[in-house]
Protein backbone atom coordinates (compact mmCIF):
# COMPACT_ATOMS: atom_id res chain seq x y z
CA MET A 1 51.58 -78.36 -98.96
CA ARG A 2 52.93 -81.85 -99.54
CA LYS A 3 53.10 -83.90 -96.33
CA VAL A 4 56.65 -84.83 -95.29
CA THR A 5 57.09 -88.55 -94.63
CA ILE A 6 58.99 -90.35 -91.89
CA LYS A 7 61.12 -91.93 -94.62
CA GLU A 8 62.36 -88.47 -95.68
CA VAL A 9 63.27 -87.64 -92.09
CA ALA A 10 65.15 -90.93 -91.77
CA GLU A 11 67.08 -90.45 -95.02
CA LEU A 12 68.13 -86.88 -94.24
CA SER A 13 69.10 -87.88 -90.69
CA GLY A 14 71.07 -90.87 -91.93
CA VAL A 15 69.16 -93.33 -89.72
CA SER A 16 66.49 -95.98 -90.12
CA ILE A 17 62.75 -95.32 -90.01
CA SER A 18 62.50 -97.30 -86.77
CA THR A 19 65.06 -94.99 -85.14
CA VAL A 20 62.98 -91.95 -86.05
CA SER A 21 59.94 -93.71 -84.60
CA ARG A 22 61.74 -94.39 -81.33
CA VAL A 23 62.88 -90.76 -81.09
CA PHE A 24 59.26 -89.60 -81.29
CA ASN A 25 58.24 -92.20 -78.71
CA ASN A 26 60.96 -91.03 -76.31
CA ASN A 27 62.71 -94.40 -76.32
CA THR A 28 65.88 -94.09 -74.25
CA SER A 29 67.76 -96.63 -76.37
CA VAL A 30 68.50 -93.91 -78.97
CA ASP A 31 71.76 -92.02 -78.53
CA PRO A 32 70.87 -88.49 -77.26
CA VAL A 33 73.07 -86.77 -79.85
CA LEU A 34 71.44 -88.78 -82.63
CA ALA A 35 67.97 -88.08 -81.22
CA GLU A 36 68.68 -84.34 -81.22
CA LYS A 37 69.79 -84.57 -84.86
CA VAL A 38 66.55 -86.33 -85.82
CA LEU A 39 64.48 -83.72 -84.02
CA LYS A 40 66.31 -80.86 -85.77
CA VAL A 41 65.81 -82.50 -89.17
CA SER A 42 62.14 -83.04 -88.36
CA GLU A 43 61.74 -79.41 -87.38
CA HIS A 44 63.55 -78.26 -90.52
CA LEU A 45 61.25 -80.37 -92.72
CA ASN A 46 58.18 -79.46 -90.66
CA TYR A 47 57.50 -83.17 -90.17
CA GLN A 48 54.36 -84.11 -88.23
CA PRO A 49 54.26 -87.72 -86.95
CA SER A 50 51.26 -89.65 -88.22
CA ILE A 51 48.66 -91.15 -85.93
CA ALA A 52 50.13 -94.58 -86.66
CA ALA A 53 53.62 -93.44 -85.71
CA ARG A 54 52.35 -91.89 -82.46
CA SER A 55 50.30 -94.97 -81.61
CA ILE A 56 53.30 -97.27 -81.06
CA ARG A 57 53.52 -97.91 -77.35
CA LYS A 58 56.82 -97.12 -75.69
CA GLY A 59 58.90 -100.30 -75.46
CA LEU A 60 56.59 -102.37 -77.65
CA SER A 61 56.89 -102.40 -81.43
CA ASN A 62 54.17 -103.27 -83.91
CA GLN A 63 56.45 -105.08 -86.36
CA ILE A 64 59.73 -106.94 -86.11
CA ALA A 65 61.63 -108.79 -88.83
CA PHE A 66 63.19 -112.24 -88.73
CA ILE A 67 65.84 -112.85 -91.40
CA VAL A 68 66.50 -116.56 -91.74
CA PRO A 69 68.24 -118.86 -94.26
CA SER A 70 65.25 -121.19 -94.62
CA ILE A 71 62.07 -122.29 -92.90
CA GLU A 72 61.97 -125.64 -94.69
CA ASN A 73 64.69 -126.70 -92.26
CA THR A 74 62.96 -127.71 -88.99
CA TYR A 75 65.83 -126.18 -87.02
CA PHE A 76 64.96 -122.70 -88.24
CA SER A 77 61.20 -123.25 -88.44
CA THR A 78 61.17 -124.22 -84.75
CA ILE A 79 63.15 -121.10 -83.87
CA ALA A 80 60.69 -119.08 -85.97
CA SER A 81 57.77 -120.58 -84.03
CA GLY A 82 59.31 -119.44 -80.75
CA ILE A 83 59.83 -115.93 -82.13
CA ILE A 84 56.37 -115.62 -83.70
CA ASN A 85 54.45 -116.91 -80.67
CA THR A 86 56.39 -114.70 -78.26
CA ALA A 87 55.93 -111.66 -80.52
CA ARG A 88 52.20 -112.38 -80.78
CA ASP A 89 51.93 -112.44 -76.99
CA ASN A 90 53.58 -109.00 -77.01
CA GLY A 91 51.14 -107.64 -79.59
CA GLN A 92 53.69 -107.73 -82.40
CA ASN A 93 53.69 -108.96 -85.97
CA VAL A 94 56.72 -110.76 -87.42
CA ILE A 95 57.84 -110.32 -91.01
CA VAL A 96 59.82 -113.42 -92.01
CA MET A 97 62.42 -112.76 -94.71
CA LEU A 98 64.30 -115.62 -96.36
CA SER A 99 67.95 -115.22 -97.32
CA ASN A 100 68.18 -118.71 -98.87
CA SER A 101 71.70 -118.86 -97.39
CA ASP A 102 72.86 -116.38 -100.03
CA LYS A 103 75.00 -113.44 -98.91
CA GLU A 104 73.63 -110.99 -101.48
CA ARG A 105 70.06 -112.05 -100.76
CA GLU A 106 70.69 -111.55 -97.05
CA LEU A 107 72.06 -108.06 -97.68
CA SER A 108 69.00 -107.33 -99.82
CA CYS A 109 66.81 -108.23 -96.82
CA PHE A 110 68.69 -105.74 -94.65
CA LYS A 111 68.48 -103.09 -97.36
CA SER A 112 64.72 -103.52 -97.49
CA ILE A 113 64.46 -103.28 -93.71
CA SER A 114 66.56 -100.11 -93.60
CA ARG A 115 63.84 -98.43 -95.68
CA SER A 116 60.90 -99.91 -93.81
CA PHE A 117 58.89 -99.25 -90.68
CA ILE A 118 60.47 -102.02 -88.59
CA ASP A 119 61.12 -101.66 -84.86
CA GLY A 120 63.61 -104.48 -84.44
CA ILE A 121 65.42 -107.29 -86.21
CA ILE A 122 66.25 -110.88 -85.34
CA PHE A 123 68.56 -112.55 -87.82
CA ALA A 124 70.23 -115.91 -88.26
CA SER A 125 73.22 -115.49 -90.52
CA SER A 126 74.52 -118.28 -92.73
CA ASN A 127 77.66 -116.51 -93.93
CA GLY A 128 79.06 -114.13 -91.31
CA THR A 129 77.47 -110.94 -92.66
CA ASN A 130 77.69 -107.89 -90.40
CA PRO A 131 74.78 -105.76 -91.69
CA ILE A 132 75.82 -102.59 -89.89
CA GLU A 133 79.02 -102.41 -91.95
CA ARG A 134 76.92 -102.21 -95.13
CA PHE A 135 73.96 -100.27 -93.76
CA PRO A 136 75.08 -97.76 -91.09
CA ALA A 137 71.48 -96.50 -90.86
CA LEU A 138 70.68 -99.71 -88.95
CA LYS A 139 73.22 -98.91 -86.21
CA ASP A 140 70.53 -97.81 -83.76
CA THR A 141 67.92 -100.36 -84.77
CA PRO A 142 67.46 -102.97 -82.01
CA MET A 143 68.86 -106.30 -83.20
CA VAL A 144 69.36 -109.80 -81.91
CA VAL A 145 71.45 -112.49 -83.59
CA ALA A 146 69.77 -115.89 -83.27
CA ALA A 147 71.64 -119.23 -83.31
CA ARG A 148 75.07 -117.64 -83.78
CA ARG A 149 77.58 -116.14 -81.35
CA CYS A 150 79.95 -113.15 -81.51
CA LEU A 151 78.84 -112.26 -85.01
CA THR A 152 78.27 -108.51 -84.63
CA PRO A 153 79.88 -106.47 -81.80
CA GLY A 154 77.47 -104.67 -79.50
CA ILE A 155 74.45 -106.78 -80.46
CA SER A 156 72.69 -109.44 -78.40
CA HIS A 157 73.34 -113.05 -79.41
CA VAL A 158 71.08 -115.93 -78.37
CA TYR A 159 72.53 -119.34 -79.18
CA SER A 160 72.88 -122.96 -78.11
CA ASP A 161 76.16 -124.07 -76.58
CA ASN A 162 77.47 -125.85 -79.66
CA GLU A 163 81.00 -126.20 -78.31
CA ALA A 164 79.57 -128.15 -75.37
CA ALA A 165 77.52 -130.18 -77.88
CA GLY A 166 80.62 -131.24 -79.82
CA TYR A 167 82.55 -131.92 -76.64
CA THR A 168 79.78 -133.93 -74.95
CA ALA A 169 79.04 -136.11 -77.98
CA THR A 170 82.71 -136.85 -78.63
CA LYS A 171 83.52 -137.46 -74.98
CA TYR A 172 80.68 -139.96 -74.73
CA LEU A 173 81.91 -141.92 -77.75
CA LEU A 174 85.46 -141.98 -76.40
CA ARG A 175 84.22 -143.30 -73.07
CA LEU A 176 82.50 -146.08 -75.01
CA ASN A 177 86.01 -147.03 -76.20
CA HIS A 178 85.66 -145.53 -79.67
CA LYS A 179 88.91 -144.06 -80.96
CA ARG A 180 88.21 -143.11 -84.59
CA VAL A 181 85.34 -140.60 -84.54
CA ALA A 182 84.32 -139.24 -87.96
CA PHE A 183 83.03 -135.67 -87.80
CA PHE A 184 80.54 -134.44 -90.42
CA ALA A 185 80.84 -130.63 -90.49
CA ASN A 186 77.67 -128.97 -91.78
CA PHE A 187 77.68 -125.97 -94.15
CA TRP A 188 75.21 -124.35 -96.51
CA GLY A 189 75.92 -125.05 -100.16
CA ASN A 190 79.40 -126.05 -101.28
CA LEU A 191 81.21 -123.54 -99.11
CA VAL A 192 83.84 -126.03 -97.92
CA ASN A 193 85.23 -128.87 -100.03
CA SER A 194 88.60 -129.64 -98.42
CA TYR A 195 90.35 -129.56 -95.08
CA GLN A 196 92.37 -126.58 -96.32
CA ASP A 197 89.11 -124.68 -96.96
CA PHE A 198 87.83 -125.79 -93.58
CA GLU A 199 90.92 -124.62 -91.68
CA ALA A 200 91.08 -121.30 -93.53
CA LEU A 201 87.45 -120.49 -92.70
CA TYR A 202 87.83 -121.78 -89.14
CA HIS A 203 90.61 -119.27 -88.50
CA SER A 204 88.80 -116.39 -90.24
CA PRO A 205 86.50 -113.71 -88.74
CA ALA A 206 83.55 -115.63 -90.23
CA GLN A 207 84.14 -118.55 -87.87
CA ASN A 208 81.34 -117.56 -85.50
CA ALA A 209 78.72 -117.75 -88.26
CA PHE A 210 78.92 -121.54 -88.38
CA THR A 211 77.75 -123.90 -85.64
CA ALA A 212 79.98 -126.60 -87.16
CA PHE A 213 83.08 -124.78 -85.99
CA ASP A 214 81.96 -124.59 -82.35
CA ARG A 215 81.13 -128.30 -82.44
CA TYR A 216 84.52 -128.96 -84.02
CA THR A 217 86.23 -127.02 -81.22
CA GLY A 218 84.46 -129.21 -78.67
CA TYR A 219 85.36 -132.32 -80.68
CA ARG A 220 89.06 -131.40 -80.70
CA ARG A 221 89.03 -130.61 -76.97
CA ALA A 222 87.53 -134.01 -76.10
CA LEU A 223 90.09 -135.82 -78.27
CA LYS A 224 92.95 -133.93 -76.60
CA GLU A 225 91.68 -134.69 -73.09
CA GLU A 226 91.53 -138.40 -73.87
CA GLY A 227 94.95 -138.44 -75.53
CA ILE A 228 93.56 -139.30 -78.98
CA ASP A 229 95.53 -137.95 -81.96
CA PHE A 230 93.49 -135.77 -84.29
CA ASP A 231 93.21 -137.06 -87.87
CA PRO A 232 91.98 -134.54 -90.49
CA GLN A 233 90.97 -137.45 -92.72
CA LEU A 234 88.06 -138.01 -90.33
CA ILE A 235 86.58 -134.58 -91.12
CA PHE A 236 83.91 -134.62 -93.84
CA TYR A 237 81.97 -131.68 -95.22
CA SER A 238 78.25 -132.17 -95.01
CA GLY A 239 74.89 -130.53 -95.57
CA TYR A 240 71.72 -130.78 -93.50
CA THR A 241 69.45 -133.13 -95.42
CA TYR A 242 68.72 -136.85 -95.41
CA GLU A 243 70.33 -137.05 -98.84
CA ASP A 244 73.45 -135.25 -97.54
CA GLY A 245 73.85 -137.74 -94.71
CA TYR A 246 73.45 -140.68 -97.08
CA ALA A 247 75.97 -139.24 -99.57
CA ASP A 248 78.50 -138.32 -96.88
CA ALA A 249 78.36 -141.80 -95.38
CA GLN A 250 79.10 -143.11 -98.88
CA LYS A 251 82.13 -140.81 -99.06
CA LEU A 252 83.32 -142.01 -95.67
CA LEU A 253 83.13 -145.67 -96.68
CA ALA A 254 84.77 -145.00 -100.06
CA SER A 255 87.67 -143.15 -98.41
CA ASN A 256 89.06 -146.32 -96.79
CA VAL A 257 89.71 -144.27 -93.64
CA GLU A 258 89.47 -146.32 -90.46
CA PHE A 259 86.52 -145.23 -88.31
CA ASP A 260 84.35 -146.67 -85.57
CA SER A 261 81.79 -143.89 -84.96
CA ILE A 262 80.20 -140.88 -86.65
CA LEU A 263 79.01 -137.45 -85.52
CA THR A 264 76.36 -136.18 -87.92
CA PRO A 265 74.87 -132.64 -88.10
CA ASN A 266 71.19 -133.34 -87.32
CA ASP A 267 68.46 -135.97 -87.24
CA ARG A 268 67.77 -135.87 -90.99
CA SER A 269 71.43 -136.32 -91.87
CA GLY A 270 71.69 -138.99 -89.17
CA ALA A 271 68.80 -140.93 -90.69
CA GLY A 272 70.59 -140.87 -94.04
CA VAL A 273 73.77 -142.18 -92.43
CA LEU A 274 71.86 -145.02 -90.74
CA ARG A 275 70.21 -145.97 -94.03
CA LEU A 276 73.50 -146.18 -95.94
CA LEU A 277 75.24 -148.16 -93.20
CA SER A 278 72.33 -150.62 -93.09
CA GLU A 279 72.36 -151.07 -96.86
CA GLN A 280 76.09 -151.80 -96.77
CA GLY A 281 75.72 -154.41 -94.04
CA PHE A 282 77.14 -152.50 -91.09
CA GLU A 283 75.51 -153.14 -87.73
CA VAL A 284 74.69 -150.07 -85.67
CA PRO A 285 75.72 -149.91 -82.88
CA ARG A 286 77.73 -153.15 -82.68
CA GLN A 287 80.18 -152.08 -85.40
CA VAL A 288 79.56 -148.34 -85.67
CA SER A 289 78.04 -145.85 -83.22
CA VAL A 290 76.25 -142.77 -84.56
CA ILE A 291 75.32 -139.55 -82.76
CA GLY A 292 73.35 -136.66 -84.23
CA PHE A 293 73.30 -133.02 -83.22
CA ASN A 294 70.04 -131.12 -82.87
CA GLY A 295 67.87 -134.24 -82.80
CA GLY A 296 64.13 -134.48 -82.46
CA GLN A 297 61.21 -136.70 -83.36
CA LEU A 298 62.97 -138.17 -86.40
CA SER A 299 65.79 -139.33 -84.12
CA ASP A 300 63.27 -141.18 -81.95
CA ILE A 301 61.63 -143.04 -84.85
CA ALA A 302 64.85 -143.88 -86.74
CA ASN A 303 66.00 -147.49 -86.78
CA PRO A 304 67.87 -147.78 -84.51
CA ALA A 305 66.74 -144.75 -82.50
CA LEU A 306 69.45 -142.12 -82.86
CA THR A 307 71.45 -140.93 -79.86
CA TYR A 308 71.57 -137.12 -80.15
CA ILE A 309 72.42 -133.80 -78.63
CA GLN A 310 69.16 -132.15 -77.63
CA GLN A 311 68.86 -128.41 -78.29
CA ASP A 312 65.77 -126.41 -77.35
CA ASN A 313 65.29 -124.44 -80.54
CA TYR A 314 61.83 -123.18 -79.62
CA GLN A 315 63.28 -121.74 -76.41
CA LEU A 316 66.03 -120.14 -78.48
CA GLY A 317 63.43 -118.32 -80.58
CA LEU A 318 61.42 -117.33 -77.52
CA LEU A 319 64.47 -115.89 -75.76
CA ALA A 320 65.57 -114.08 -78.93
CA ALA A 321 62.19 -112.34 -79.15
CA GLU A 322 62.22 -111.49 -75.44
CA GLN A 323 65.75 -110.11 -75.70
CA LEU A 324 64.81 -108.00 -78.71
CA ASN A 325 61.97 -106.44 -76.75
CA ALA A 326 64.31 -105.79 -73.84
CA VAL A 327 66.64 -103.89 -76.19
CA ILE A 328 63.69 -102.00 -77.69
CA ASN A 329 62.79 -100.98 -74.14
CA GLY A 330 66.26 -99.55 -73.62
CA SER A 331 67.98 -102.42 -71.83
CA PRO A 332 71.63 -103.06 -72.73
CA ALA A 333 72.44 -105.84 -75.19
CA LYS A 334 73.46 -109.14 -73.63
CA ASP A 335 74.23 -112.61 -74.86
CA ILE A 336 72.26 -115.70 -73.85
CA LYS A 337 73.81 -119.17 -74.13
CA ILE A 338 71.42 -122.13 -73.93
CA ASP A 339 72.57 -125.43 -72.44
CA VAL A 340 72.39 -128.69 -74.40
CA THR A 341 71.92 -132.27 -73.22
CA LEU A 342 72.79 -135.73 -74.51
CA LYS A 343 69.87 -138.10 -75.13
CA ILE A 344 71.20 -141.66 -75.23
CA GLN A 345 69.31 -144.09 -77.47
CA ASN A 346 70.05 -147.23 -79.48
CA SER A 347 72.60 -146.01 -82.04
CA THR A 348 75.53 -146.03 -79.59
CA ALA A 349 77.16 -148.80 -77.60
CA SER A 350 80.45 -149.70 -75.95
CA ARG A 351 82.96 -151.55 -78.14
CA LYS A 352 85.95 -153.75 -77.44
CA ASP A 353 89.26 -153.17 -79.21
CA ALA A 354 88.88 -156.48 -81.09
CA GLU A 355 85.61 -155.31 -82.64
CA ARG A 356 87.02 -152.13 -84.12
CA LEU A 357 85.90 -151.60 -87.70
CA SER A 358 88.55 -151.36 -90.41
CA PRO A 359 87.06 -150.85 -93.90
């Protein structure tokens, strides 16, 4: 007789392969009604778990998946390092799947996982995708959302406090007597090209998929506390690269909008901003102060050294992997918010009203 596979059991039960595996390993995270359904289907098909399926230790998977927009970006590669090293210490392998910040590609990753022998998923969305809406079979698969908050109800989210990042950076500039703070909002691709696009997305359900919006919320709160009127002309739509920072600084200068400081998405973008300002004869920080989010080594070696919001991305990956294993073990999903700190360096300084820059 032909041997029945775990995939057939999963398909007929309407669940993922990993859910079937957890049923046969008596994992308490599976809904009892669903577990009974899987067992009845297995009995009907005369399914016999393989040695490999029986060998998975309770609470510890052999393979987990990490779906990520890119690993060329050091932000995500550092998170990946935290996940991979933590998984290795737990005896797990990590399958890294790249979405390239494309919604259909991301859904394709989830489709592949729904048919695979995967015990848990960590994913960093770039577009607000809720995979369970498209693939109900993943409903009982342990998942953790990394670097985003409130993306998928009922799932653990591990993320840096980006609202505090935007607030802290802006508040510091305002206390240095800056009044016209340009905000470079970072997005993948050309998703946002105008303030109307920005506002529409900000007030949509997809808001939580973008760190830029949390930083923007903090930015607006700091302005309000200091009695500074918000000016939408100071919002620019940026990417993550050195070239993006350089180009966006060009746009800022060409706009003829009055500014005295800039918030830039990361250290690479910040380095591009510093380069353009230097080429155009602006003195940082005497004329313009610049702060980057998510800084690192590049911030330290930039000229001048870039003041930045420090985020522990390795710790984020580590905690995401630990939380995934907690869920696999049957613990309830919970969110983890990681604190951020301001590292003050040479790209910021106090300014007098008479020194304010007016292009």
